[in-house]
Amino acid sequence: MDNVLMYVTEVAPYERDVASGAVRLAGVHRVLPQSATALAEMADVAGLGFVHTNDVRSLPADALDNCRVLALYTIGETPWSEPQRRKILERVRAGETHVLAIHSATDSCHGWDDFGRLIGARFECHPWTQQLTIEVVDADHPATRGLPVPWHLEDEIYLFENLRPDARILLRLQPDGLDMSRPGAHVPEIGFPLAWSLSEGAGRVFYTSLGHFPSAYENVSYLHHLYGGLSWLLGREVGEG
């Protein structure tokens, strides 16, 4: 099937710690099945086929050839093969595949250097889970247009490092009320971005750190945010087929 949204929800161990040799296991997010239902609906509305996998090793060799949007809710060291990695980068840079990345995708593939650049930043830590007050930084984007101002949502807060300087910040956390005594709590140099978009060659990448809880996929504003990101990847306004 051509013109497919491929959704990857793989949970994999992290790399072995060099000093101890121990493998750190990733927590399995209970949100993944519910998010897959939402992405399948969005693909249908956007006129895309839908493929969902939780094991990239099971994909046929030509699966990425038909992938217009690669959607990722991945955790840990996703075991992409070297040919798969090359094909993802080649297709994105050629504008043949675009990337929609959700929440813990920034906390995956730490052993793949190009992936961090592709997604736009690396996960550092998540000191807080609480009700957020979200600032819409860029209201002139399909992923943010029409969101409540300010927007309140309960979620897990990610802090990031190595943010690409060309990333277009869409949402930012208002830090009032954060408990700075919690382990790992600090104010990064880049502040508290929550969502961004960027270009990689001719390809587009949209990332949102929101969506940790199943309740997000019952939240009309969050679904509008996510579908707006998909619309932007496809070069459309929200609601266009």
Protein backbone atom coordinates (compact mmCIF):
# COMPACT_ATOMS: atom_id res chain seq x y z
CA MET A 1 0.00 0.00 0.00
CA ASP A 2 1.36 3.38 -1.02
CA ASN A 3 1.03 6.60 0.97
CA VAL A 4 1.12 5.02 4.42
CA LEU A 5 1.42 6.37 7.94
CA MET A 6 3.60 3.85 9.76
CA TYR A 7 3.26 4.02 13.54
CA VAL A 8 6.03 2.46 15.65
CA THR A 9 5.37 1.87 19.36
CA GLU A 10 8.37 -0.29 20.20
CA VAL A 11 9.60 -0.62 23.79
CA ALA A 12 13.21 -1.82 23.91
CA PRO A 13 16.01 -2.03 26.48
CA TYR A 14 18.52 0.80 26.66
CA GLU A 15 22.18 0.25 25.88
CA ARG A 16 24.34 -1.58 28.37
CA ASP A 17 26.08 0.64 30.87
CA VAL A 18 29.76 0.55 29.96
CA ALA A 19 30.96 0.48 33.58
CA SER A 20 28.57 -2.08 35.04
CA GLY A 21 27.46 -4.01 31.96
CA ALA A 22 23.88 -3.73 33.19
CA VAL A 23 20.98 -3.26 30.80
CA ARG A 24 18.37 -0.69 31.78
CA LEU A 25 14.85 -1.79 30.90
CA ALA A 26 12.34 0.71 29.57
CA GLY A 27 8.99 1.18 31.24
CA VAL A 28 6.05 0.12 29.10
CA HIS A 29 3.68 3.07 28.69
CA ARG A 30 0.06 1.96 29.05
CA VAL A 31 -0.94 4.70 26.63
CA LEU A 32 0.46 2.95 23.55
CA PRO A 33 -2.65 0.98 22.44
CA GLN A 34 -4.89 4.01 22.88
CA SER A 35 -2.47 6.22 20.96
CA ALA A 36 -2.47 3.68 18.11
CA THR A 37 -6.25 3.93 17.86
CA ALA A 38 -5.97 7.72 17.65
CA LEU A 39 -3.23 7.62 15.00
CA ALA A 40 -5.22 5.12 12.92
CA GLU A 41 -8.19 7.50 12.95
CA MET A 42 -5.98 10.45 12.00
CA ALA A 43 -4.40 8.52 9.15
CA ASP A 44 -7.86 7.67 7.84
CA VAL A 45 -9.01 11.30 8.00
CA ALA A 46 -5.80 12.38 6.22
CA GLY A 47 -6.34 9.83 3.45
CA LEU A 48 -3.37 7.68 4.43
CA GLY A 49 -3.08 3.95 4.88
CA PHE A 50 -2.10 2.82 8.36
CA VAL A 51 0.50 0.32 9.51
CA HIS A 52 1.23 -0.24 13.20
CA THR A 53 4.18 -2.22 14.54
CA ASN A 54 5.77 -2.75 17.93
CA ASP A 55 8.78 -4.56 16.47
CA VAL A 56 10.70 -2.97 13.61
CA ARG A 57 12.59 -6.22 13.09
CA SER A 58 9.39 -7.75 11.73
CA LEU A 59 8.93 -5.15 8.99
CA PRO A 60 9.32 -6.31 5.39
CA ALA A 61 12.44 -5.06 3.64
CA ASP A 62 10.42 -2.66 1.48
CA ALA A 63 8.09 -1.39 4.24
CA LEU A 64 9.69 2.05 4.44
CA ASP A 65 9.45 2.51 0.65
CA ASN A 66 5.73 3.25 1.04
CA CYS A 67 5.99 5.32 4.21
CA ARG A 68 4.90 8.92 3.76
CA VAL A 69 4.73 9.60 7.52
CA LEU A 70 6.83 7.73 10.08
CA ALA A 71 5.14 8.21 13.46
CA LEU A 72 7.18 7.25 16.52
CA TYR A 73 6.23 6.61 20.14
CA THR A 74 9.39 4.66 20.84
CA ILE A 75 11.26 4.00 24.07
CA GLY A 76 14.79 2.66 24.51
CA GLU A 77 17.12 1.44 21.77
CA THR A 78 14.73 0.75 18.90
CA PRO A 79 16.52 -2.03 16.96
CA TRP A 80 16.47 -0.39 13.53
CA SER A 81 18.89 -2.21 11.23
CA GLU A 82 21.60 -0.25 9.45
CA PRO A 83 19.74 -0.49 6.12
CA GLN A 84 16.56 0.77 7.82
CA ARG A 85 18.44 3.67 9.39
CA ARG A 86 19.95 4.65 6.05
CA LYS A 87 16.62 4.44 4.31
CA ILE A 88 14.85 6.59 6.94
CA LEU A 89 17.48 9.33 6.66
CA GLU A 90 17.58 9.18 2.87
CA ARG A 91 13.81 9.33 2.50
CA VAL A 92 13.37 12.14 5.02
CA ARG A 93 16.12 14.25 3.47
CA ALA A 94 14.60 13.68 0.04
CA GLY A 95 11.17 14.76 1.29
CA GLU A 96 9.65 11.33 0.64
CA THR A 97 9.00 10.57 4.33
CA HIS A 98 8.13 12.98 7.14
CA VAL A 99 8.41 12.25 10.88
CA LEU A 100 5.78 12.67 13.60
CA ALA A 101 7.40 11.99 16.98
CA ILE A 102 5.51 11.70 20.27
CA HIS A 103 6.64 11.99 23.90
CA SER A 104 9.34 9.38 24.58
CA ALA A 105 10.63 9.28 21.00
CA THR A 106 13.33 11.71 22.22
CA ASP A 107 14.32 9.03 24.77
CA SER A 108 14.99 6.37 22.14
CA CYS A 109 17.84 5.47 19.80
CA HIS A 110 20.54 7.09 21.94
CA GLY A 111 23.04 4.85 20.15
CA TRP A 112 22.08 6.38 16.79
CA ASP A 113 23.66 9.84 16.62
CA ASP A 114 21.77 10.99 13.51
CA PHE A 115 18.46 10.21 15.19
CA GLY A 116 18.94 12.89 17.84
CA ARG A 117 19.48 15.50 15.16
CA LEU A 118 16.54 14.20 13.16
CA ILE A 119 14.10 14.47 16.09
CA GLY A 120 15.53 17.83 17.18
CA ALA A 121 16.74 17.19 20.76
CA ARG A 122 17.53 14.51 23.30
CA PHE A 123 15.58 13.68 26.43
CA GLU A 124 17.48 14.60 29.59
CA CYS A 125 15.10 13.80 32.49
CA HIS A 126 11.48 14.16 33.66
CA PRO A 127 11.41 15.60 37.20
CA TRP A 128 7.70 16.44 37.30
CA THR A 129 4.29 15.01 36.49
CA GLN A 130 1.53 17.50 37.14
CA GLN A 131 -1.00 19.90 35.71
CA LEU A 132 0.80 22.05 33.15
CA THR A 133 0.24 25.63 32.12
CA ILE A 134 1.29 25.66 28.48
CA GLU A 135 2.21 28.78 26.55
CA VAL A 136 1.41 28.79 22.84
CA VAL A 137 4.63 30.29 21.49
CA ASP A 138 3.74 30.15 17.82
CA ALA A 139 -0.01 30.39 17.17
CA ASP A 140 0.47 30.47 13.39
CA HIS A 141 1.05 26.73 12.97
CA PRO A 142 -1.50 23.97 12.29
CA ALA A 143 -0.41 22.18 15.50
CA THR A 144 -1.19 25.18 17.71
CA ARG A 145 -3.86 27.13 15.87
CA GLY A 146 -7.06 27.19 17.93
CA LEU A 147 -5.55 25.80 21.14
CA PRO A 148 -6.72 27.34 24.44
CA VAL A 149 -4.52 30.22 25.65
CA PRO A 150 -3.16 29.31 28.11
CA TRP A 151 -3.62 25.58 27.68
CA HIS A 152 -3.84 23.38 30.79
CA LEU A 153 -3.04 19.67 30.60
CA GLU A 154 -1.84 17.04 33.05
CA ASP A 155 1.29 15.37 31.74
CA GLU A 156 4.83 14.25 32.40
CA ILE A 157 7.31 17.08 31.88
CA TYR A 158 10.41 16.35 29.83
CA LEU A 159 13.60 18.39 29.97
CA PHE A 160 15.82 18.36 26.88
CA GLU A 161 19.40 18.85 25.79
CA ASN A 162 21.03 19.44 22.40
CA LEU A 163 18.03 21.22 20.94
CA ARG A 164 18.60 22.10 17.31
CA PRO A 165 18.98 25.87 16.92
CA ASP A 166 16.75 25.81 13.83
CA ALA A 167 13.84 24.12 15.66
CA ARG A 168 10.66 26.20 15.53
CA ILE A 169 9.34 26.16 19.09
CA LEU A 170 5.56 25.83 19.16
CA LEU A 171 4.72 25.25 22.83
CA ARG A 172 6.55 26.05 26.03
CA LEU A 173 5.92 25.24 29.68
CA GLN A 174 5.19 28.11 32.05
CA PRO A 175 7.44 27.13 35.00
CA ASP A 176 5.38 28.72 37.77
CA GLY A 177 4.59 26.13 40.42
CA LEU A 178 7.39 23.69 39.63
CA ASP A 179 9.00 22.08 42.68
CA MET A 180 12.70 22.75 42.07
CA SER A 181 13.69 20.53 45.00
CA ARG A 182 12.79 17.35 43.11
CA PRO A 183 15.65 15.12 41.86
CA GLY A 184 16.89 16.35 38.49
CA ALA A 185 14.91 19.59 38.68
CA HIS A 186 16.63 22.56 37.06
CA VAL A 187 16.11 25.20 34.42
CA PRO A 188 17.89 24.17 31.20
CA GLU A 189 19.60 26.80 29.07
CA ILE A 190 16.96 26.22 26.41
CA GLY A 191 14.13 26.67 28.92
CA PHE A 192 11.08 24.42 28.74
CA PRO A 193 10.07 23.72 25.11
CA LEU A 194 7.26 21.17 24.79
CA ALA A 195 6.73 20.94 21.02
CA TRP A 196 8.60 21.98 17.89
CA SER A 197 8.84 21.52 14.15
CA LEU A 198 11.85 21.54 11.86
CA SER A 199 13.10 20.65 8.42
CA GLU A 200 15.67 17.97 7.64
CA GLY A 201 16.63 18.42 4.02
CA ALA A 202 13.36 18.41 2.10
CA GLY A 203 11.61 16.48 4.88
CA ARG A 204 9.58 17.76 7.80
CA VAL A 205 9.67 16.71 11.46
CA PHE A 206 7.06 17.48 14.12
CA TYR A 207 7.63 16.57 17.77
CA THR A 208 5.41 16.93 20.82
CA SER A 209 6.54 15.88 24.28
CA LEU A 210 2.91 15.72 25.40
CA GLY A 211 0.84 12.54 25.41
CA HIS A 212 2.13 10.43 28.31
CA PHE A 213 -1.30 9.55 29.69
CA PRO A 214 -4.26 7.80 28.01
CA SER A 215 -6.42 10.78 28.99
CA ALA A 216 -4.57 12.87 26.38
CA TYR A 217 -6.22 10.78 23.67
CA GLU A 218 -9.64 11.68 25.07
CA ASN A 219 -8.73 15.37 25.11
CA VAL A 220 -10.03 17.25 22.06
CA SER A 221 -7.35 19.95 22.32
CA TYR A 222 -4.54 17.38 22.40
CA LEU A 223 -5.98 15.49 19.44
CA HIS A 224 -6.29 18.79 17.55
CA HIS A 225 -2.62 19.51 18.38
CA LEU A 226 -1.47 16.10 17.14
CA TYR A 227 -3.57 16.16 13.99
CA GLY A 228 -2.38 19.69 13.28
CA GLY A 229 1.19 18.39 13.41
CA LEU A 230 0.28 15.65 10.94
CA SER A 231 -1.40 18.20 8.67
CA TRP A 232 1.73 20.35 8.70
CA LEU A 233 3.87 17.36 7.75
CA LEU A 234 1.61 16.78 4.77
CA GLY A 235 1.68 20.45 3.78
CA ARG A 236 -2.00 20.94 4.55
CA GLU A 237 -4.17 23.08 6.75
CA VAL A 238 -6.11 21.30 9.51
CA GLY A 239 -9.21 19.65 8.08
CA GLU A 240 -8.02 19.37 4.49
CA GLY A 241 -8.18 15.94 2.96
